[in-house]
Amino acid sequence: MKRWYGKVLGFIAGWLLMRHPAGGLIGLLIGHAFDSDWFRTARGDAYAVLGLEEGASDTEIDLAYRRLMAQYHPDRMAGAAPELLEQAQRRAAEVNRAYDRIRKKRGRR
């Protein structure tokens, strides 16, 4: 079920704060953004970084990790432009942190 209460609360708050119908419209748009998770980052969710669901098996986690590291490992991007190499390094570090968090959470070392 999709969330709807952010739109309603945003509309009411915008109308009351600005005392104008345009305030209600602005509040409605901000509420829609919160309902649609525009402000939530996937960086905090280790499973989302690996592209997996919360109930993924250990084998699926290992396969996703290996697939992403094969794609973003800096050694595989040796001949790329410096900007792309830097992006690959950041993404590889993010994948490593997500994998480590999942392993620590599941008690595997």
C-alpha atoms as a PDB file:
ATOM      1  CA  MET A   1       0.000   0.000   0.000  1.00  0.00           C
ATOM      2  CA  LYS A   2       1.330   3.391  -0.925  1.00  0.00           C
ATOM      3  CA  ARG A   3       1.636   6.090   1.667  1.00  0.00           C
ATOM      4  CA  TRP A   4      -0.668   9.081   1.398  1.00  0.00           C
ATOM      5  CA  TYR A   5      -0.483  10.896   4.722  1.00  0.00           C
ATOM      6  CA  GLY A   6       2.559  12.988   3.762  1.00  0.00           C
ATOM      7  CA  LYS A   7       0.547  14.681   1.030  1.00  0.00           C
ATOM      8  CA  VAL A   8      -2.339  15.470   3.384  1.00  0.00           C
ATOM      9  CA  LEU A   9      -0.132  16.727   6.196  1.00  0.00           C
ATOM     10  CA  GLY A  10       2.025  18.702   3.752  1.00  0.00           C
ATOM     11  CA  PHE A  11      -1.046  20.340   2.215  1.00  0.00           C
ATOM     12  CA  ILE A  12      -2.455  21.331   5.613  1.00  0.00           C
ATOM     13  CA  ALA A  13       0.890  22.563   6.941  1.00  0.00           C
ATOM     14  CA  GLY A  14       1.651  24.542   3.775  1.00  0.00           C
ATOM     15  CA  TRP A  15      -1.768  26.180   3.763  1.00  0.00           C
ATOM     16  CA  LEU A  16      -1.543  27.102   7.446  1.00  0.00           C
ATOM     17  CA  LEU A  17       2.038  28.374   7.287  1.00  0.00           C
ATOM     18  CA  MET A  18       1.610  30.507   4.186  1.00  0.00           C
ATOM     19  CA  ARG A  19      -2.106  31.330   4.643  1.00  0.00           C
ATOM     20  CA  HIS A  20      -2.556  30.992   0.901  1.00  0.00           C
ATOM     21  CA  PRO A  21      -3.658  28.220  -1.479  1.00  0.00           C
ATOM     22  CA  ALA A  22      -0.209  28.245  -3.081  1.00  0.00           C
ATOM     23  CA  GLY A  23       1.198  27.192   0.285  1.00  0.00           C
ATOM     24  CA  GLY A  24      -1.072  24.180   0.199  1.00  0.00           C
ATOM     25  CA  LEU A  25       0.236  23.271  -3.236  1.00  0.00           C
ATOM     26  CA  ILE A  26       3.851  23.601  -2.123  1.00  0.00           C
ATOM     27  CA  GLY A  27       3.128  21.513   0.968  1.00  0.00           C
ATOM     28  CA  LEU A  28       1.396  18.915  -1.205  1.00  0.00           C
ATOM     29  CA  LEU A  29       4.467  18.636  -3.426  1.00  0.00           C
ATOM     30  CA  ILE A  30       6.803  18.293  -0.460  1.00  0.00           C
ATOM     31  CA  GLY A  31       4.506  15.685   1.088  1.00  0.00           C
ATOM     32  CA  HIS A  32       4.497  13.751  -2.174  1.00  0.00           C
ATOM     33  CA  ALA A  33       8.287  13.785  -2.186  1.00  0.00           C
ATOM     34  CA  PHE A  34       8.371  12.275   1.301  1.00  0.00           C
ATOM     35  CA  ASP A  35       5.723   9.683   0.433  1.00  0.00           C
ATOM     36  CA  SER A  36       7.696   8.647  -2.644  1.00  0.00           C
ATOM     37  CA  ASP A  37      10.969   8.337  -0.665  1.00  0.00           C
ATOM     38  CA  TRP A  38      12.790  10.920  -2.729  1.00  0.00           C
ATOM     39  CA  PHE A  39      14.827  11.908   0.319  1.00  0.00           C
ATOM     40  CA  ARG A  40      15.731   8.394   1.444  1.00  0.00           C
ATOM     41  CA  THR A  41      19.146   7.257   0.310  1.00  0.00           C
ATOM     42  CA  ALA A  42      20.013   3.675  -0.526  1.00  0.00           C
ATOM     43  CA  ARG A  43      23.437   4.240   0.938  1.00  0.00           C
ATOM     44  CA  GLY A  44      22.211   3.386   4.423  1.00  0.00           C
ATOM     45  CA  ASP A  45      20.655   0.085   3.333  1.00  0.00           C
ATOM     46  CA  ALA A  46      23.370  -2.476   2.690  1.00  0.00           C
ATOM     47  CA  TYR A  47      20.993  -4.830   0.890  1.00  0.00           C
ATOM     48  CA  ALA A  48      19.901  -2.087  -1.514  1.00  0.00           C
ATOM     49  CA  VAL A  49      23.526  -1.294  -2.348  1.00  0.00           C
ATOM     50  CA  LEU A  50      24.006  -4.904  -3.414  1.00  0.00           C
ATOM     51  CA  GLY A  51      20.634  -4.914  -5.189  1.00  0.00           C
ATOM     52  CA  LEU A  52      19.121  -7.572  -2.931  1.00  0.00           C
ATOM     53  CA  GLU A  53      16.092  -8.067  -0.733  1.00  0.00           C
ATOM     54  CA  GLU A  54      16.335  -8.301   3.067  1.00  0.00           C
ATOM     55  CA  GLY A  55      15.756 -12.077   3.053  1.00  0.00           C
ATOM     56  CA  ALA A  56      18.483 -12.962   0.539  1.00  0.00           C
ATOM     57  CA  SER A  57      20.483 -16.111   1.184  1.00  0.00           C
ATOM     58  CA  ASP A  58      24.213 -16.101   1.891  1.00  0.00           C
ATOM     59  CA  THR A  59      24.885 -17.502  -1.577  1.00  0.00           C
ATOM     60  CA  GLU A  60      22.901 -14.717  -3.241  1.00  0.00           C
ATOM     61  CA  ILE A  61      24.776 -12.119  -1.198  1.00  0.00           C
ATOM     62  CA  ASP A  62      28.153 -13.572  -2.173  1.00  0.00           C
ATOM     63  CA  LEU A  63      27.187 -13.738  -5.855  1.00  0.00           C
ATOM     64  CA  ALA A  64      25.926 -10.151  -5.877  1.00  0.00           C
ATOM     65  CA  TYR A  65      29.103  -8.966  -4.152  1.00  0.00           C
ATOM     66  CA  ARG A  66      31.345 -10.768  -6.621  1.00  0.00           C
ATOM     67  CA  ARG A  67      29.343  -9.504  -9.604  1.00  0.00           C
ATOM     68  CA  LEU A  68      29.532  -5.886  -8.443  1.00  0.00           C
ATOM     69  CA  MET A  69      33.200  -6.070  -7.535  1.00  0.00           C
ATOM     70  CA  ALA A  70      34.012  -7.567 -10.937  1.00  0.00           C
ATOM     71  CA  GLN A  71      32.211  -4.616 -12.480  1.00  0.00           C
ATOM     72  CA  TYR A  72      33.604  -1.795 -10.314  1.00  0.00           C
ATOM     73  CA  HIS A  73      37.027  -3.003  -9.158  1.00  0.00           C
ATOM     74  CA  PRO A  74      39.578  -0.235  -9.815  1.00  0.00           C
ATOM     75  CA  ASP A  75      42.059  -2.693 -11.382  1.00  0.00           C
ATOM     76  CA  ARG A  76      39.527  -3.487 -14.115  1.00  0.00           C
ATOM     77  CA  MET A  77      39.207   0.235 -14.883  1.00  0.00           C
ATOM     78  CA  ALA A  78      42.960   0.868 -15.242  1.00  0.00           C
ATOM     79  CA  GLY A  79      42.768   2.439 -18.714  1.00  0.00           C
ATOM     80  CA  ALA A  80      39.680   4.555 -18.028  1.00  0.00           C
ATOM     81  CA  ALA A  81      39.511   8.307 -17.613  1.00  0.00           C
ATOM     82  CA  PRO A  82      40.469   9.630 -14.159  1.00  0.00           C
ATOM     83  CA  GLU A  83      36.862  10.639 -13.412  1.00  0.00           C
ATOM     84  CA  LEU A  84      35.572   7.145 -14.186  1.00  0.00           C
ATOM     85  CA  LEU A  85      38.350   5.562 -12.156  1.00  0.00           C
ATOM     86  CA  GLU A  86      37.442   7.747  -9.174  1.00  0.00           C
ATOM     87  CA  GLN A  87      33.750   6.826  -9.497  1.00  0.00           C
ATOM     88  CA  ALA A  88      34.650   3.136  -9.678  1.00  0.00           C
ATOM     89  CA  GLN A  89      36.790   3.433  -6.555  1.00  0.00           C
ATOM     90  CA  ARG A  90      33.954   5.103  -4.640  1.00  0.00           C
ATOM     91  CA  ARG A  91      31.422   2.511  -5.795  1.00  0.00           C
ATOM     92  CA  ALA A  92      33.786  -0.398  -4.968  1.00  0.00           C
ATOM     93  CA  ALA A  93      34.343   1.024  -1.480  1.00  0.00           C
ATOM     94  CA  GLU A  94      30.570   1.391  -1.010  1.00  0.00           C
ATOM     95  CA  VAL A  95      29.989  -2.219  -2.104  1.00  0.00           C
ATOM     96  CA  ASN A  96      32.733  -3.420   0.276  1.00  0.00           C
ATOM     97  CA  ARG A  97      31.200  -1.518   3.210  1.00  0.00           C
ATOM     98  CA  ALA A  98      27.737  -2.907   2.455  1.00  0.00           C
ATOM     99  CA  TYR A  99      29.056  -6.473   2.205  1.00  0.00           C
ATOM    100  CA  ASP A 100      30.976  -6.096   5.480  1.00  0.00           C
ATOM    101  CA  ARG A 101      27.875  -4.728   7.248  1.00  0.00           C
ATOM    102  CA  ILE A 102      25.763  -7.654   6.074  1.00  0.00           C
ATOM    103  CA  ARG A 103      28.403 -10.180   7.105  1.00  0.00           C
ATOM    104  CA  LYS A 104      28.770  -8.565  10.523  1.00  0.00           C
ATOM    105  CA  LYS A 105      25.003  -8.412  10.965  1.00  0.00           C
ATOM    106  CA  ARG A 106      24.648 -12.097  10.106  1.00  0.00           C
ATOM    107  CA  GLY A 107      27.523 -13.035  12.398  1.00  0.00           C
ATOM    108  CA  ARG A 108      29.829 -14.381   9.700  1.00  0.00           C
ATOM    109  CA  ARG A 109      33.482 -13.525   9.663  1.00  0.00           C
END
